[in-house]
Protein backbone atom coordinates (compact mmCIF):
# COMPACT_ATOMS: atom_id res chain seq x y z
CA UNK A 1 86.73 133.77 99.20
CA UNK A 2 83.48 131.87 98.80
CA UNK A 3 84.72 130.16 95.67
CA UNK A 4 87.75 128.67 97.43
CA UNK A 5 85.80 127.49 100.46
CA UNK A 6 83.10 125.86 98.32
CA UNK A 7 85.71 124.00 96.27
CA UNK A 8 86.99 122.38 99.48
CA UNK A 9 83.57 121.49 100.79
CA UNK A 10 82.69 119.77 97.53
CA UNK A 11 85.65 117.41 97.87
CA UNK A 12 84.78 113.92 99.29
CA UNK A 13 86.88 114.16 102.46
CA UNK A 14 86.38 112.93 106.01
CA UNK A 15 86.53 115.63 108.72
CA UNK A 16 90.14 114.75 109.60
CA UNK A 17 91.24 114.88 105.97
CA UNK A 18 89.33 118.14 105.50
CA UNK A 19 91.26 119.65 108.42
CA UNK A 20 94.55 118.75 106.74
CA UNK A 21 93.49 120.28 103.43
CA UNK A 22 92.28 123.46 105.18
CA UNK A 23 95.69 123.77 106.83
CA UNK A 24 97.22 123.53 103.36
CA UNK A 25 94.80 126.19 102.09
CA UNK A 26 95.80 128.49 104.95
CA UNK A 27 99.46 127.91 104.12
CA UNK A 28 98.88 128.80 100.46
CA UNK A 29 96.83 131.84 101.49
CA UNK A 30 99.56 133.18 103.78
CA UNK A 31 102.08 132.81 100.96
CA UNK A 32 99.80 134.53 98.44
CA UNK A 33 99.60 131.53 96.11
CA UNK A 34 96.74 131.32 93.64
CA UNK A 35 96.35 127.56 93.95
CA UNK A 36 96.77 124.83 96.56
CA UNK A 37 99.06 122.10 95.24
CA UNK A 38 100.18 118.76 96.75
CA UNK A 39 103.34 120.41 98.09
CA UNK A 40 101.18 122.60 100.36
CA UNK A 41 99.36 119.52 101.67
CA UNK A 42 102.59 117.57 102.23
CA UNK A 43 104.14 120.52 104.05
CA UNK A 44 101.06 120.87 106.28
CA UNK A 45 101.08 117.14 107.05
CA UNK A 46 104.76 117.16 107.97
CA UNK A 47 104.35 120.21 110.22
CA UNK A 48 101.97 118.25 112.48
CA UNK A 49 104.11 116.57 115.15
CA UNK A 50 101.60 113.75 115.69
CA UNK A 51 100.68 113.37 112.01
CA UNK A 52 100.91 110.10 110.13
CA UNK A 53 103.38 111.40 107.55
CA UNK A 54 105.83 112.70 110.14
CA UNK A 55 105.67 109.44 112.10
CA UNK A 56 106.35 107.45 108.94
CA UNK A 57 109.31 109.68 108.04
CA UNK A 58 110.75 109.30 111.55
CA UNK A 59 110.51 105.53 111.21
CA UNK A 60 112.53 105.71 108.00
CA UNK A 61 115.10 108.16 109.46
CA UNK A 62 115.05 108.22 113.25
CA UNK A 63 117.18 111.38 113.55
CA UNK A 64 114.77 114.36 113.91
CA UNK A 65 117.10 116.61 111.89
CA UNK A 66 116.27 114.54 108.81
CA UNK A 67 112.60 115.52 109.12
CA UNK A 68 113.65 119.12 109.76
CA UNK A 69 115.65 119.03 106.54
CA UNK A 70 112.59 117.73 104.68
CA UNK A 71 110.51 120.60 106.08
CA UNK A 72 113.12 123.08 104.85
CA UNK A 73 113.18 121.54 101.39
CA UNK A 74 109.39 121.73 101.17
CA UNK A 75 109.65 125.39 102.22
CA UNK A 76 112.23 126.09 99.51
CA UNK A 77 110.06 124.38 96.90
CA UNK A 78 107.08 126.51 97.95
CA UNK A 79 109.21 129.66 97.86
CA UNK A 80 109.86 129.05 94.17
CA UNK A 81 106.14 129.41 93.53
CA UNK A 82 106.19 133.08 94.58
CA UNK A 83 107.68 134.14 91.24
CA UNK A 84 104.42 133.33 89.45
CA UNK A 85 102.10 135.15 91.88
CA UNK A 86 101.84 138.63 93.27
CA UNK A 87 103.25 139.33 96.71
CA UNK A 88 100.70 139.21 99.55
CA UNK A 89 102.23 142.44 100.86
CA UNK A 90 101.04 144.20 97.73
CA UNK A 91 97.61 142.58 97.73
CA UNK A 92 96.33 142.15 101.30
CA UNK A 93 92.77 141.44 100.15
CA UNK A 94 93.62 138.34 98.09
CA UNK A 95 91.00 135.58 97.85
CA UNK A 96 91.26 132.03 99.13
CA UNK A 97 93.26 129.96 96.61
CA UNK A 98 91.57 127.25 94.57
CA UNK A 99 92.57 123.59 94.46
CA UNK A 100 94.98 122.72 91.66
CA UNK A 101 94.34 119.98 89.11
CA UNK A 102 97.22 117.99 90.63
CA UNK A 103 95.58 118.06 94.06
CA UNK A 104 92.17 117.07 92.67
CA UNK A 105 93.92 114.20 90.88
CA UNK A 106 95.42 113.16 94.22
CA UNK A 107 91.91 113.05 95.70
CA UNK A 108 90.78 110.78 92.88
CA UNK A 109 93.75 108.44 93.39
CA UNK A 110 92.92 108.24 97.08
CA UNK A 111 89.32 107.33 96.28
CA UNK A 112 90.38 104.57 93.89
CA UNK A 113 92.87 103.17 96.40
CA UNK A 114 90.34 103.31 99.22
CA UNK A 115 87.67 101.63 97.11
CA UNK A 116 89.98 98.68 96.54
CA UNK A 117 90.56 98.33 100.27
CA UNK A 118 87.35 96.60 101.36
CA UNK A 119 84.24 94.86 100.07
CA UNK A 120 82.04 97.56 101.65
CA UNK A 121 83.83 100.30 99.74
CA UNK A 122 83.67 98.36 96.48
CA UNK A 123 79.88 98.28 96.78
CA UNK A 124 79.69 102.09 96.93
CA UNK A 125 79.87 104.43 93.98
CA UNK A 126 83.36 105.93 93.89
CA UNK A 127 82.02 109.49 94.13
CA UNK A 128 80.24 108.60 97.38
CA UNK A 129 83.43 107.52 99.15
CA UNK A 130 84.84 109.82 101.81
CA UNK A 131 88.63 109.94 101.64
CA UNK A 132 90.36 109.00 104.88
CA UNK A 133 93.44 110.98 105.89
CA UNK A 134 95.58 107.84 105.60
CA UNK A 135 94.67 107.39 101.94
CA UNK A 136 95.22 111.09 101.36
CA UNK A 137 98.77 110.80 102.72
CA UNK A 138 99.55 107.85 100.43
CA UNK A 139 98.10 109.64 97.41
CA UNK A 140 100.01 112.86 98.13
CA UNK A 141 103.24 110.86 98.31
CA UNK A 142 102.55 109.65 94.76
CA UNK A 143 102.59 113.21 93.42
CA UNK A 144 105.77 113.81 91.34
CA UNK A 145 106.56 117.17 92.94
CA UNK A 146 106.36 115.74 96.46
CA UNK A 147 108.30 112.64 95.51
CA UNK A 148 111.07 114.76 93.96
CA UNK A 149 111.54 116.85 97.11
CA UNK A 150 111.64 113.78 99.33
CA UNK A 151 114.20 112.12 97.08
CA UNK A 152 116.45 115.19 97.28
CA UNK A 153 116.53 114.89 101.08
CA UNK A 154 117.25 111.15 101.00
CA UNK A 155 113.77 109.80 101.73
CA UNK A 156 112.42 106.84 99.78
CA UNK A 157 108.82 107.53 98.78
CA UNK A 158 108.19 103.78 98.54
CA UNK A 159 109.55 103.12 102.01
CA UNK A 160 107.58 105.99 103.56
CA UNK A 161 104.40 104.74 101.86
CA UNK A 162 105.07 101.27 103.24
CA UNK A 163 105.33 102.69 106.76
CA UNK A 164 102.04 104.56 106.30
CA UNK A 165 100.29 101.43 104.99
CA UNK A 166 101.60 99.44 107.95
CA UNK A 167 100.17 102.01 110.35
CA UNK A 168 96.82 101.92 108.55
CA UNK A 169 96.57 98.13 108.58
CA UNK A 170 97.46 97.96 112.27
CA UNK A 171 94.82 100.58 113.05
CA UNK A 172 92.20 98.55 111.15
CA UNK A 173 93.16 95.41 113.06
CA UNK A 174 93.00 97.31 116.35
CA UNK A 175 89.52 98.66 115.60
CA UNK A 176 88.28 95.23 114.56
CA UNK A 177 89.65 93.63 117.72
CA UNK A 178 88.12 96.37 119.87
CA UNK A 179 84.75 95.89 118.17
CA UNK A 180 84.85 92.13 118.66
CA UNK A 181 85.89 92.58 122.29
CA UNK A 182 82.95 94.91 123.02
CA UNK A 183 80.53 92.49 121.36
CA UNK A 184 81.79 89.62 123.49
CA UNK A 185 81.51 91.58 126.73
CA UNK A 186 77.89 92.45 126.00
CA UNK A 187 76.77 88.93 125.09
CA UNK A 188 78.84 86.47 127.16
CA UNK A 189 77.47 85.73 130.63
CA UNK A 190 79.60 82.77 131.67
CA UNK A 191 83.20 81.80 130.90
CA UNK A 192 84.16 79.07 128.48
CA UNK A 193 87.41 77.93 126.93
CA UNK A 194 88.89 79.14 123.67
CA UNK A 195 91.52 77.33 121.65
CA UNK A 196 94.47 79.64 121.19
CA UNK A 197 98.23 79.55 120.75
CA UNK A 198 100.36 78.64 123.69
CA UNK A 199 99.01 77.94 127.20
CA UNK A 200 100.28 75.33 129.61
CA UNK A 201 98.31 72.78 127.62
CA UNK A 202 100.06 73.53 124.36
CA UNK A 203 99.61 70.96 121.66
CA UNK A 204 101.50 72.06 118.55
CA UNK A 205 100.89 70.62 115.13
CA UNK A 206 103.18 71.22 112.19
CA UNK A 207 102.15 72.36 108.75
CA UNK A 208 104.20 72.23 105.56
CA UNK A 209 105.67 75.70 106.14
CA UNK A 210 105.30 76.35 109.84
CA UNK A 211 103.70 75.80 113.20
CA UNK A 212 100.19 76.06 114.60
CA UNK A 213 100.03 76.18 118.39
CA UNK A 214 96.81 75.57 120.31
CA UNK A 215 95.98 75.84 123.99
CA UNK A 216 93.32 77.22 126.37
CA UNK A 217 92.15 80.76 126.95
CA UNK A 218 89.31 82.26 128.99
CA UNK A 219 87.12 84.45 126.83
CA UNK A 220 85.47 86.94 129.27
CA UNK A 221 88.72 88.62 130.31
CA UNK A 222 89.74 89.69 126.80
CA UNK A 223 91.60 92.78 128.03
CA UNK A 224 94.14 90.44 129.62
CA UNK A 225 96.32 88.31 127.35
CA UNK A 226 97.59 85.07 128.85
CA UNK A 227 101.36 85.31 129.23
CA UNK A 228 101.72 81.62 128.38
CA UNK A 229 100.06 82.22 125.01
CA UNK A 230 102.56 84.93 124.17
CA UNK A 231 105.49 82.85 125.43
CA UNK A 232 104.41 79.95 123.24
CA UNK A 233 104.42 82.14 120.13
CA UNK A 234 107.83 83.57 121.02
CA UNK A 235 109.25 80.09 121.53
CA UNK A 236 108.15 79.10 118.03
CA UNK A 237 109.67 82.28 116.59
CA UNK A 238 112.96 81.39 118.30
CA UNK A 239 112.82 78.16 116.30
CA UNK A 240 112.31 80.29 113.16
CA UNK A 241 108.89 78.84 112.43
CA UNK A 242 106.09 80.38 110.41
CA UNK A 243 103.09 80.63 112.71
CA UNK A 244 99.30 80.70 112.57
CA UNK A 245 97.80 81.75 115.92
CA UNK A 246 94.49 79.88 116.20
CA UNK A 247 91.69 81.08 118.49
CA UNK A 248 87.96 80.61 118.80
CA UNK A 249 87.52 84.31 118.14
CA UNK A 250 89.56 86.68 115.98
CA UNK A 251 89.82 89.19 118.83
CA UNK A 252 91.54 86.63 121.06
CA UNK A 253 94.12 85.69 118.45
CA UNK A 254 94.62 89.35 117.50
CA UNK A 255 95.22 90.23 121.16
CA UNK A 256 98.02 87.69 121.40
CA UNK A 257 99.54 88.83 118.11
CA UNK A 258 99.52 92.48 119.21
CA UNK A 259 101.07 91.60 122.57
CA UNK A 260 103.84 89.69 120.76
CA UNK A 261 104.55 92.70 118.53
CA UNK A 262 104.50 95.10 121.50
CA UNK A 263 107.10 92.96 123.26
CA UNK A 264 109.31 93.21 120.20
CA UNK A 265 108.93 97.00 120.22
CA UNK A 266 110.13 97.32 123.83
CA UNK A 267 112.77 94.58 123.50
CA UNK A 268 111.10 92.21 125.98
CA UNK A 269 111.95 89.11 123.94
CA UNK A 270 114.61 86.36 124.04
CA UNK A 271 118.05 87.48 122.92
CA UNK A 272 117.86 85.74 119.56
CA UNK A 273 114.78 87.78 118.66
CA UNK A 274 115.89 91.28 119.68
CA UNK A 275 116.82 92.27 116.16
CA UNK A 276 113.72 90.85 114.47
CA UNK A 277 111.57 93.43 112.63
CA UNK A 278 107.79 93.03 112.27
CA UNK A 279 106.18 94.28 109.05
CA UNK A 280 102.40 94.33 108.61
CA UNK A 281 101.30 92.98 105.24
CA UNK A 282 97.52 92.32 105.13
CA UNK A 283 96.93 90.12 102.08
CA UNK A 284 93.50 91.70 101.67
CA UNK A 285 95.26 94.71 100.14
CA UNK A 286 96.17 92.58 97.11
CA UNK A 287 92.62 91.94 95.96
CA UNK A 288 91.62 93.30 92.56
CA UNK A 289 94.95 94.89 91.68
CA UNK A 290 96.87 94.62 88.43
CA UNK A 291 99.83 92.39 87.70
CA UNK A 292 102.09 95.44 87.61
CA UNK A 293 100.94 96.53 91.08
CA UNK A 294 101.55 93.03 92.47
CA UNK A 295 105.06 93.02 91.02
CA UNK A 296 105.69 96.46 92.51
CA UNK A 297 104.53 95.30 95.95
CA UNK A 298 106.74 92.21 95.75
CA UNK A 299 109.69 94.40 94.83
CA UNK A 300 108.93 96.64 97.82
CA UNK A 301 108.88 93.60 100.12
CA UNK A 302 112.22 92.37 98.80
CA UNK A 303 113.77 95.82 99.15
CA UNK A 304 112.34 96.16 102.64
CA UNK A 305 113.90 92.86 103.72
CA UNK A 306 117.22 93.95 102.23
CA UNK A 307 117.02 97.31 104.03
CA UNK A 308 117.09 95.55 107.41
CA UNK A 309 120.70 94.53 107.03
CA UNK A 310 121.58 91.52 109.18
CA UNK A 311 118.08 91.41 110.73
CA UNK A 312 115.26 88.92 110.33
CA UNK A 313 111.80 90.06 109.24
CA UNK A 314 108.38 88.69 110.18
CA UNK A 315 105.53 89.52 107.79
CA UNK A 316 102.30 89.77 109.79
CA UNK A 317 99.47 88.75 107.45
CA UNK A 318 96.60 89.42 109.88
CA UNK A 319 93.29 87.53 109.77
CA UNK A 320 93.46 84.74 107.19
CA UNK A 321 89.77 83.76 107.18
CA UNK A 322 88.90 85.78 104.09
CA UNK A 323 91.91 84.23 102.31
CA UNK A 324 90.64 80.72 103.04
CA UNK A 325 87.19 81.63 101.75
CA UNK A 326 88.62 83.28 98.65
CA UNK A 327 90.82 80.27 97.94
CA UNK A 328 87.85 77.91 98.20
CA UNK A 329 85.86 79.95 95.66
CA UNK A 330 88.88 80.29 93.42
CA UNK A 331 89.51 76.54 93.35
CA UNK A 332 85.86 75.77 92.68
CA UNK A 333 85.64 78.11 89.69
CA UNK A 334 89.06 77.10 88.35
CA UNK A 335 89.63 80.49 86.82
CA UNK A 336 91.92 80.64 83.83
CA UNK A 337 92.72 84.34 84.04
CA UNK A 338 95.21 86.26 86.16
CA UNK A 339 94.50 86.35 89.91
CA UNK A 340 96.42 88.82 92.07
CA UNK A 341 95.84 86.84 95.29
CA UNK A 342 97.06 83.56 93.80
CA UNK A 343 100.14 85.33 92.44
CA UNK A 344 100.89 86.89 95.84
CA UNK A 345 100.47 83.61 97.73
CA UNK A 346 102.75 81.77 95.30
CA UNK A 347 105.41 84.48 95.42
CA UNK A 348 105.34 84.60 99.23
CA UNK A 349 105.86 80.85 99.25
CA UNK A 350 108.92 81.29 97.02
CA UNK A 351 110.26 84.05 99.27
CA UNK A 352 109.84 82.06 102.47
CA UNK A 353 111.22 78.83 101.02
CA UNK A 354 114.08 80.55 99.21
CA UNK A 355 117.66 81.19 100.23
CA UNK A 356 119.82 84.25 100.79
CA UNK A 357 117.76 87.28 101.81
CA UNK A 358 114.60 85.12 101.86
CA UNK A 359 116.04 82.95 104.62
CA UNK A 360 115.55 85.92 106.96
CA UNK A 361 111.81 86.08 106.23
CA UNK A 362 109.02 84.44 108.26
CA UNK A 363 105.23 84.66 108.21
CA UNK A 364 102.70 85.05 111.02
CA UNK A 365 98.91 85.13 110.79
CA UNK A 366 95.81 84.62 112.92
CA UNK A 367 92.67 82.54 112.42
CA UNK A 368 89.66 81.07 114.16
CA UNK A 369 89.87 77.38 115.02
CA UNK A 370 86.81 76.57 112.89
CA UNK A 371 88.19 78.27 109.77
CA UNK A 372 91.64 76.78 110.30
CA UNK A 373 90.33 73.21 110.56
CA UNK A 374 88.14 73.71 107.50
CA UNK A 375 91.10 74.99 105.50
CA UNK A 376 93.34 72.16 106.75
CA UNK A 377 90.81 69.54 105.63
CA UNK A 378 89.72 71.10 102.32
CA UNK A 379 92.80 73.04 101.19
CA UNK A 380 95.88 71.58 102.94
CA UNK A 381 98.24 73.02 100.32
CA UNK A 382 97.22 76.56 101.25
């Protein structure tokens, strides 16, 4: 018993991820299995009604019976493991199962993926990183045994992973906006105007691939998003324009972007936009990844657009400030080797400017006014 518990505690997991793994351990223990494998973890994740994996699966197949079928298939797969272990009825004093090599490998994949995700994580030693439950879900989906079961039920592992990554990126944006909003409330004592997309004083300026709308916004009341700002963005989307929402602060622009996406979710948009699908695609995720991974992501984007038959898709790129800064450094150094960000930017340009399926694809991002003007003056092509 002690051996199994210690093996879990030694794993670099956050408390939430640890809870998921312990549920998988309990499942393996009840079944009398000697080891905990990724199938146990996937089954435990899916059994949680509010879990990230179940939500992602429901987004891929809205009918609840499809998720029920997946649960049953996981159960059948786990039942096949009983042939190689003794029955728990014959050995009631069995010990806690150990973690399998496949599950430990999944932990390592999650650490690598999480380390790529941010500059802060890249500065830490990989063994010091605590695996978030979101990265654990993505890594478990990459396990061949889990992928095989999902494929048998009609689930696309790639599509489910995309849904999970979208949820993660939106959560990061939400936390960042909340943090910025709290900072502003503590430090601002008098109101002043912020340049942001779409008030009554809208003054749009066109870029080579889309529209930038600017107007006024009062900073202290950040919990309230100006309806005119949102209306302005929607009006540009009706015209099928690519948009950069420009604000003095990221939290302001993010608030408008989130309100726009929430209106799409509830259908409170003009008739021409009711069948538009938003997909979160933070470009930051493409830093320091291989050419093969970039090509895979591009293929996933193309397949995702094709999956929304007859519908238009808006790729939400999030905060573009880091991209502007990266591009400036990249141009200054004039690197001659492969750059994943440059490749992604160029391929997105081809997709947006293309025909056929690409004609249903738009882009939307947010930026501070200062960073936007700097980019417009120094790097107009970007």
